[in-house]
C-alpha atoms as a PDB file:
ATOM      1  CA  MET A   1     -53.968 102.951  63.704  1.00  0.00           C
ATOM      2  CA  SER A   2     -57.002 101.002  62.624  1.00  0.00           C
ATOM      3  CA  VAL A   3     -57.138  98.590  59.700  1.00  0.00           C
ATOM      4  CA  LYS A   4     -59.526 100.960  57.932  1.00  0.00           C
ATOM      5  CA  GLU A   5     -56.977 103.838  58.188  1.00  0.00           C
ATOM      6  CA  CYS A   6     -54.140 101.607  56.855  1.00  0.00           C
ATOM      7  CA  ASN A   7     -56.244 100.604  53.870  1.00  0.00           C
ATOM      8  CA  HIS A   8     -57.098 104.252  53.283  1.00  0.00           C
ATOM      9  CA  HIS A   9     -53.380 105.213  53.164  1.00  0.00           C
ATOM     10  CA  LYS A  10     -52.636 102.337  50.790  1.00  0.00           C
ATOM     11  CA  ASP A  11     -55.432 103.459  48.488  1.00  0.00           C
ATOM     12  CA  GLU A  12     -54.063 107.015  48.508  1.00  0.00           C
ATOM     13  CA  LYS A  13     -50.563 105.779  47.561  1.00  0.00           C
ATOM     14  CA  LYS A  14     -52.000 103.674  44.734  1.00  0.00           C
ATOM     15  CA  LYS A  15     -53.888 106.698  43.428  1.00  0.00           C
ATOM     16  CA  ILE A  16     -50.705 108.818  43.525  1.00  0.00           C
ATOM     17  CA  PHE A  17     -48.634 106.162  41.698  1.00  0.00           C
ATOM     18  CA  ARG A  18     -51.435 105.700  39.186  1.00  0.00           C
ATOM     19  CA  ARG A  19     -51.563 109.445  38.497  1.00  0.00           C
ATOM     20  CA  ILE A  20     -47.768 109.626  38.085  1.00  0.00           C
ATOM     21  CA  PHE A  21     -47.799 106.627  35.731  1.00  0.00           C
ATOM     22  CA  TRP A  22     -50.545 107.998  33.521  1.00  0.00           C
ATOM     23  CA  GLY A  23     -48.951 111.454  33.603  1.00  0.00           C
ATOM     24  CA  ILE A  24     -45.713 109.969  32.196  1.00  0.00           C
ATOM     25  CA  VAL A  25     -47.632 107.974  29.583  1.00  0.00           C
ATOM     26  CA  ILE A  26     -49.590 111.041  28.431  1.00  0.00           C
ATOM     27  CA  PHE A  27     -46.416 113.164  28.315  1.00  0.00           C
ATOM     28  CA  LEU A  28     -44.593 110.582  26.193  1.00  0.00           C
ATOM     29  CA  PHE A  29     -47.593 110.219  23.897  1.00  0.00           C
ATOM     30  CA  ILE A  30     -47.822 113.991  23.342  1.00  0.00           C
ATOM     31  CA  PHE A  31     -44.051 114.244  22.819  1.00  0.00           C
ATOM     32  CA  LEU A  32     -43.962 111.429  20.249  1.00  0.00           C
ATOM     33  CA  LEU A  33     -47.099 112.731  18.537  1.00  0.00           C
ATOM     34  CA  THR A  34     -45.516 116.185  18.225  1.00  0.00           C
ATOM     35  CA  ILE A  35     -42.384 114.706  16.639  1.00  0.00           C
ATOM     36  CA  LEU A  36     -44.539 112.667  14.247  1.00  0.00           C
ATOM     37  CA  ILE A  37     -46.603 115.706  13.221  1.00  0.00           C
ATOM     38  CA  VAL A  38     -43.498 117.873  12.676  1.00  0.00           C
ATOM     39  CA  TRP A  39     -41.851 115.072  10.674  1.00  0.00           C
ATOM     40  CA  ALA A  40     -44.990 114.628   8.546  1.00  0.00           C
ATOM     41  CA  ILE A  41     -45.253 118.372   7.872  1.00  0.00           C
ATOM     42  CA  LEU A  42     -41.585 118.697   6.901  1.00  0.00           C
ATOM     43  CA  ARG A  43     -41.639 115.484   4.841  1.00  0.00           C
ATOM     44  CA  PRO A  44     -37.882 114.812   4.885  1.00  0.00           C
ATOM     45  CA  THR A  45     -36.378 113.489   1.662  1.00  0.00           C
ATOM     46  CA  LYS A  46     -33.024 111.720   1.484  1.00  0.00           C
ATOM     47  CA  PRO A  47     -30.227 113.476  -0.431  1.00  0.00           C
ATOM     48  CA  THR A  48     -29.647 112.719  -4.094  1.00  0.00           C
ATOM     49  CA  PHE A  49     -26.207 111.754  -5.424  1.00  0.00           C
ATOM     50  CA  ILE A  50     -24.834 111.862  -8.975  1.00  0.00           C
ATOM     51  CA  LEU A  51     -21.556 110.362 -10.187  1.00  0.00           C
ATOM     52  CA  GLN A  52     -20.434 113.069 -12.605  1.00  0.00           C
ATOM     53  CA  ASP A  53     -17.207 111.547 -13.901  1.00  0.00           C
ATOM     54  CA  VAL A  54     -14.454 109.009 -13.254  1.00  0.00           C
ATOM     55  CA  THR A  55     -10.815 109.578 -14.156  1.00  0.00           C
ATOM     56  CA  VAL A  56      -8.845 106.342 -14.496  1.00  0.00           C
ATOM     57  CA  TYR A  57      -5.123 106.672 -13.755  1.00  0.00           C
ATOM     58  CA  ALA A  58      -4.427 102.951 -13.430  1.00  0.00           C
ATOM     59  CA  PHE A  59      -6.363  99.741 -13.893  1.00  0.00           C
ATOM     60  CA  ASN A  60      -3.869  96.924 -14.319  1.00  0.00           C
ATOM     61  CA  ALA A  61      -4.187  93.201 -13.734  1.00  0.00           C
ATOM     62  CA  THR A  62      -0.751  92.184 -14.999  1.00  0.00           C
ATOM     63  CA  ILE A  63      -0.070  89.896 -12.017  1.00  0.00           C
ATOM     64  CA  PRO A  64      -2.457  86.912 -11.829  1.00  0.00           C
ATOM     65  CA  ASN A  65      -5.178  87.421  -9.188  1.00  0.00           C
ATOM     66  CA  PHE A  66      -3.888  90.888  -8.236  1.00  0.00           C
ATOM     67  CA  LEU A  67      -5.270  94.249  -9.334  1.00  0.00           C
ATOM     68  CA  THR A  68      -3.803  97.749  -9.164  1.00  0.00           C
ATOM     69  CA  SER A  69      -6.231 100.617  -9.700  1.00  0.00           C
ATOM     70  CA  ASN A  70      -6.282 104.362  -9.208  1.00  0.00           C
ATOM     71  CA  PHE A  71      -9.378 106.516  -9.768  1.00  0.00           C
ATOM     72  CA  GLN A  72     -10.526 110.059  -9.143  1.00  0.00           C
ATOM     73  CA  VAL A  73     -14.301 110.240  -8.881  1.00  0.00           C
ATOM     74  CA  THR A  74     -16.421 113.392  -8.936  1.00  0.00           C
ATOM     75  CA  LEU A  75     -19.624 113.147  -6.921  1.00  0.00           C
ATOM     76  CA  SER A  76     -22.328 115.744  -6.399  1.00  0.00           C
ATOM     77  CA  SER A  77     -24.861 115.668  -3.581  1.00  0.00           C
ATOM     78  CA  ARG A  78     -28.050 117.744  -3.356  1.00  0.00           C
ATOM     79  CA  ASN A  79     -30.246 118.300  -0.318  1.00  0.00           C
ATOM     80  CA  PRO A  80     -33.820 118.509  -1.729  1.00  0.00           C
ATOM     81  CA  ASN A  81     -35.408 119.603   1.563  1.00  0.00           C
ATOM     82  CA  ASN A  82     -36.692 123.120   2.206  1.00  0.00           C
ATOM     83  CA  LYS A  83     -36.454 123.054   5.998  1.00  0.00           C
ATOM     84  CA  ILE A  84     -34.053 120.243   6.824  1.00  0.00           C
ATOM     85  CA  GLY A  85     -30.258 120.422   6.811  1.00  0.00           C
ATOM     86  CA  VAL A  86     -27.920 117.439   6.591  1.00  0.00           C
ATOM     87  CA  TYR A  87     -24.751 116.822   8.590  1.00  0.00           C
ATOM     88  CA  TYR A  88     -22.413 114.421   6.797  1.00  0.00           C
ATOM     89  CA  ASP A  89     -20.428 113.181   9.783  1.00  0.00           C
ATOM     90  CA  ARG A  90     -18.621 110.427   7.867  1.00  0.00           C
ATOM     91  CA  LEU A  91     -18.425 109.479   4.197  1.00  0.00           C
ATOM     92  CA  ASP A  92     -16.034 106.742   3.024  1.00  0.00           C
ATOM     93  CA  THR A  93     -15.605 106.195  -0.722  1.00  0.00           C
ATOM     94  CA  TYR A  94     -14.332 103.010  -2.347  1.00  0.00           C
ATOM     95  CA  VAL A  95     -14.659 101.068  -5.609  1.00  0.00           C
ATOM     96  CA  VAL A  96     -16.118  97.590  -6.043  1.00  0.00           C
ATOM     97  CA  TYR A  97     -15.780  95.159  -8.937  1.00  0.00           C
ATOM     98  CA  ARG A  98     -18.173  92.206  -9.055  1.00  0.00           C
ATOM     99  CA  SER A  99     -19.091  92.634  -5.359  1.00  0.00           C
ATOM    100  CA  GLN A 100     -15.412  92.690  -4.312  1.00  0.00           C
ATOM    101  CA  GLN A 101     -13.788  95.818  -2.920  1.00  0.00           C
ATOM    102  CA  ILE A 102     -10.724  96.675  -5.030  1.00  0.00           C
ATOM    103  CA  THR A 103      -9.586  99.960  -3.469  1.00  0.00           C
ATOM    104  CA  LEU A 104      -8.916 101.346  -0.024  1.00  0.00           C
ATOM    105  CA  ARG A 105     -11.492 103.608   1.582  1.00  0.00           C
ATOM    106  CA  THR A 106     -11.011 107.345   1.131  1.00  0.00           C
ATOM    107  CA  ALA A 107     -12.682 109.640   3.662  1.00  0.00           C
ATOM    108  CA  ILE A 108     -14.548 112.740   2.498  1.00  0.00           C
ATOM    109  CA  PRO A 109     -14.222 115.592   5.053  1.00  0.00           C
ATOM    110  CA  PRO A 110     -17.280 116.059   7.307  1.00  0.00           C
ATOM    111  CA  SER A 111     -19.593 118.861   6.185  1.00  0.00           C
ATOM    112  CA  TYR A 112     -23.008 120.468   6.639  1.00  0.00           C
ATOM    113  CA  GLN A 113     -25.416 120.796   3.723  1.00  0.00           C
ATOM    114  CA  GLY A 114     -28.094 123.459   4.026  1.00  0.00           C
ATOM    115  CA  HIS A 115     -31.525 123.594   2.436  1.00  0.00           C
ATOM    116  CA  LYS A 116     -31.473 122.953  -1.338  1.00  0.00           C
ATOM    117  CA  GLU A 117     -27.660 123.134  -1.345  1.00  0.00           C
ATOM    118  CA  VAL A 118     -25.377 121.157  -3.653  1.00  0.00           C
ATOM    119  CA  ASP A 119     -21.920 119.880  -2.670  1.00  0.00           C
ATOM    120  CA  VAL A 120     -19.283 118.442  -5.012  1.00  0.00           C
ATOM    121  CA  TRP A 121     -16.440 116.122  -3.952  1.00  0.00           C
ATOM    122  CA  SER A 122     -13.564 114.697  -6.010  1.00  0.00           C
ATOM    123  CA  PRO A 123     -11.768 112.089  -3.884  1.00  0.00           C
ATOM    124  CA  PHE A 124      -8.999 109.787  -5.109  1.00  0.00           C
ATOM    125  CA  VAL A 125      -9.523 106.071  -4.464  1.00  0.00           C
ATOM    126  CA  TYR A 126      -6.816 103.527  -5.135  1.00  0.00           C
ATOM    127  CA  GLY A 127      -5.542 100.050  -4.411  1.00  0.00           C
ATOM    128  CA  THR A 128      -2.123  98.563  -5.132  1.00  0.00           C
ATOM    129  CA  ASN A 129      -1.790  94.828  -5.836  1.00  0.00           C
ATOM    130  CA  VAL A 130      -5.145  94.079  -4.247  1.00  0.00           C
ATOM    131  CA  PRO A 131      -5.900  90.311  -4.212  1.00  0.00           C
ATOM    132  CA  VAL A 132      -8.975  89.431  -6.244  1.00  0.00           C
ATOM    133  CA  ALA A 133     -10.860  86.158  -6.339  1.00  0.00           C
ATOM    134  CA  PRO A 134      -9.702  83.903  -9.205  1.00  0.00           C
ATOM    135  CA  TYR A 135     -13.166  83.886 -10.805  1.00  0.00           C
ATOM    136  CA  ASN A 136     -13.228  87.705 -10.650  1.00  0.00           C
ATOM    137  CA  PHE A 137      -9.803  87.842 -12.249  1.00  0.00           C
ATOM    138  CA  VAL A 138     -11.042  85.672 -15.121  1.00  0.00           C
ATOM    139  CA  GLY A 139     -14.147  87.866 -15.450  1.00  0.00           C
ATOM    140  CA  LEU A 140     -11.990  91.005 -15.458  1.00  0.00           C
ATOM    141  CA  SER A 141      -9.817  89.633 -18.267  1.00  0.00           C
ATOM    142  CA  GLN A 142     -12.949  88.895 -20.281  1.00  0.00           C
ATOM    143  CA  ASP A 143     -14.433  92.335 -19.605  1.00  0.00           C
ATOM    144  CA  GLN A 144     -11.214  94.073 -20.641  1.00  0.00           C
ATOM    145  CA  SER A 145     -11.082  92.002 -23.809  1.00  0.00           C
ATOM    146  CA  ASN A 146     -14.648  93.075 -24.565  1.00  0.00           C
ATOM    147  CA  GLY A 147     -13.610  96.673 -23.880  1.00  0.00           C
ATOM    148  CA  ASN A 148     -16.221  97.431 -21.221  1.00  0.00           C
ATOM    149  CA  VAL A 149     -15.776  97.092 -17.450  1.00  0.00           C
ATOM    150  CA  LEU A 150     -18.466  97.814 -14.873  1.00  0.00           C
ATOM    151  CA  VAL A 151     -17.249  99.092 -11.505  1.00  0.00           C
ATOM    152  CA  VAL A 152     -19.345 100.500  -8.697  1.00  0.00           C
ATOM    153  CA  VAL A 153     -18.394 103.559  -6.657  1.00  0.00           C
ATOM    154  CA  ASN A 154     -19.732 103.082  -3.132  1.00  0.00           C
ATOM    155  CA  ILE A 155     -20.094 105.613  -0.332  1.00  0.00           C
ATOM    156  CA  ASP A 156     -20.679 104.410   3.200  1.00  0.00           C
ATOM    157  CA  GLY A 157     -21.278 106.889   5.997  1.00  0.00           C
ATOM    158  CA  ARG A 158     -23.266 108.501   8.789  1.00  0.00           C
ATOM    159  CA  VAL A 159     -25.613 111.494   8.601  1.00  0.00           C
ATOM    160  CA  ARG A 160     -27.694 113.605  10.962  1.00  0.00           C
ATOM    161  CA  TRP A 161     -30.759 115.734  10.182  1.00  0.00           C
ATOM    162  CA  LYS A 162     -31.138 119.337  11.409  1.00  0.00           C
ATOM    163  CA  VAL A 163     -34.579 120.892  11.830  1.00  0.00           C
ATOM    164  CA  GLY A 164     -34.353 124.364  13.330  1.00  0.00           C
ATOM    165  CA  THR A 165     -32.285 123.876  16.478  1.00  0.00           C
ATOM    166  CA  PHE A 166     -33.131 120.167  16.718  1.00  0.00           C
ATOM    167  CA  ILE A 167     -30.446 117.718  15.517  1.00  0.00           C
ATOM    168  CA  SER A 168     -31.307 114.048  15.159  1.00  0.00           C
ATOM    169  CA  GLY A 169     -29.196 111.047  16.049  1.00  0.00           C
ATOM    170  CA  ARG A 170     -26.861 109.469  13.516  1.00  0.00           C
ATOM    171  CA  TYR A 171     -28.263 107.451  10.632  1.00  0.00           C
ATOM    172  CA  HIS A 172     -26.427 105.125   8.294  1.00  0.00           C
ATOM    173  CA  ILE A 173     -26.321 106.198   4.648  1.00  0.00           C
ATOM    174  CA  TYR A 174     -25.241 103.989   1.763  1.00  0.00           C
ATOM    175  CA  ILE A 175     -24.762 105.229  -1.819  1.00  0.00           C
ATOM    176  CA  ARG A 176     -24.149 103.032  -4.850  1.00  0.00           C
ATOM    177  CA  CYS A 177     -23.021 104.524  -8.188  1.00  0.00           C
ATOM    178  CA  PRO A 178     -22.439 102.175 -11.170  1.00  0.00           C
ATOM    179  CA  ALA A 179     -19.803 103.275 -13.688  1.00  0.00           C
ATOM    180  CA  TYR A 180     -19.151 101.710 -17.087  1.00  0.00           C
ATOM    181  CA  ILE A 181     -15.524 102.119 -18.151  1.00  0.00           C
ATOM    182  CA  ASN A 182     -14.925 101.670 -21.895  1.00  0.00           C
ATOM    183  CA  PHE A 183     -11.403 100.446 -22.680  1.00  0.00           C
ATOM    184  CA  GLY A 184     -12.138  99.596 -26.323  1.00  0.00           C
ATOM    185  CA  VAL A 185     -10.861 101.256 -29.468  1.00  0.00           C
ATOM    186  CA  GLN A 186     -13.933 103.495 -29.543  1.00  0.00           C
ATOM    187  CA  SER A 187     -13.444 104.622 -25.976  1.00  0.00           C
ATOM    188  CA  ASN A 188     -15.716 107.423 -24.811  1.00  0.00           C
ATOM    189  CA  GLY A 189     -13.073 108.742 -22.443  1.00  0.00           C
ATOM    190  CA  ILE A 190     -11.099 111.979 -22.673  1.00  0.00           C
ATOM    191  CA  SER A 191      -7.300 111.763 -22.409  1.00  0.00           C
ATOM    192  CA  GLU A 192      -5.953 113.714 -19.434  1.00  0.00           C
ATOM    193  CA  GLY A 193      -2.246 112.998 -20.000  1.00  0.00           C
ATOM    194  CA  ASN A 194       0.045 110.552 -18.168  1.00  0.00           C
ATOM    195  CA  ASN A 195      -2.157 107.674 -19.364  1.00  0.00           C
ATOM    196  CA  ALA A 196      -5.143 109.097 -17.463  1.00  0.00           C
ATOM    197  CA  VAL A 197      -8.583 108.952 -19.092  1.00  0.00           C
ATOM    198  CA  LYS A 198     -11.661 110.824 -17.863  1.00  0.00           C
ATOM    199  CA  TYR A 199     -15.126 109.360 -18.430  1.00  0.00           C
ATOM    200  CA  GLN A 200     -18.073 111.767 -18.279  1.00  0.00           C
ATOM    201  CA  LEU A 201     -20.924 109.733 -16.812  1.00  0.00           C
ATOM    202  CA  VAL A 202     -23.566 111.878 -15.022  1.00  0.00           C
ATOM    203  CA  GLN A 203     -24.868 108.670 -13.473  1.00  0.00           C
ATOM    204  CA  GLN A 204     -27.708 108.754 -10.917  1.00  0.00           C
ATOM    205  CA  CYS A 205     -26.810 106.882  -7.728  1.00  0.00           C
ATOM    206  CA  THR A 206     -29.070 104.863  -5.456  1.00  0.00           C
ATOM    207  CA  VAL A 207     -29.288 106.133  -1.878  1.00  0.00           C
ATOM    208  CA  SER A 208     -30.354 104.128   1.170  1.00  0.00           C
ATOM    209  CA  VAL A 209     -30.815 105.696   4.605  1.00  0.00           C
END
């Protein structure tokens, strides 16, 4: 085989590899462009969450630097999308005081939320003799004396989006719902018996996805 024939075969192989490479690039470009166009047309919007009420069964700091609390929180979630469903694969609820978690995590059962649907959950979250930082304990004593305590109901989880038959990968979702609890004489809570007090809040939550 002559040198000219060898060079010819090498050129043919280069052309084939070049065609395969550009074919893959064009395919990926079209695929990603299609996803982008579909996503832009659908305009997905993250779910909205509202903290409807908090029932306080216990909130005691009788032991220095330890806190016992027991809450039932009612949360509603709405899917504002017309063509996108939401899979809630994992949702863990817990309560925070001054950036410190004061309850255990309570799992909300996995669920699917269709277009424009609203779901309501009422999990119990509690913590028994949870250690709190000394400065938080001092702040808590002051807040209780003032009759107004701010706690934050947090939800940490994973979601997936459903468009037709397509289901996306998992995304992290984080919800933060502030709740002002009034322990003063003019409390705005409703007695539920057994020392339980329900506070109607209807508080909009912040949602990060």
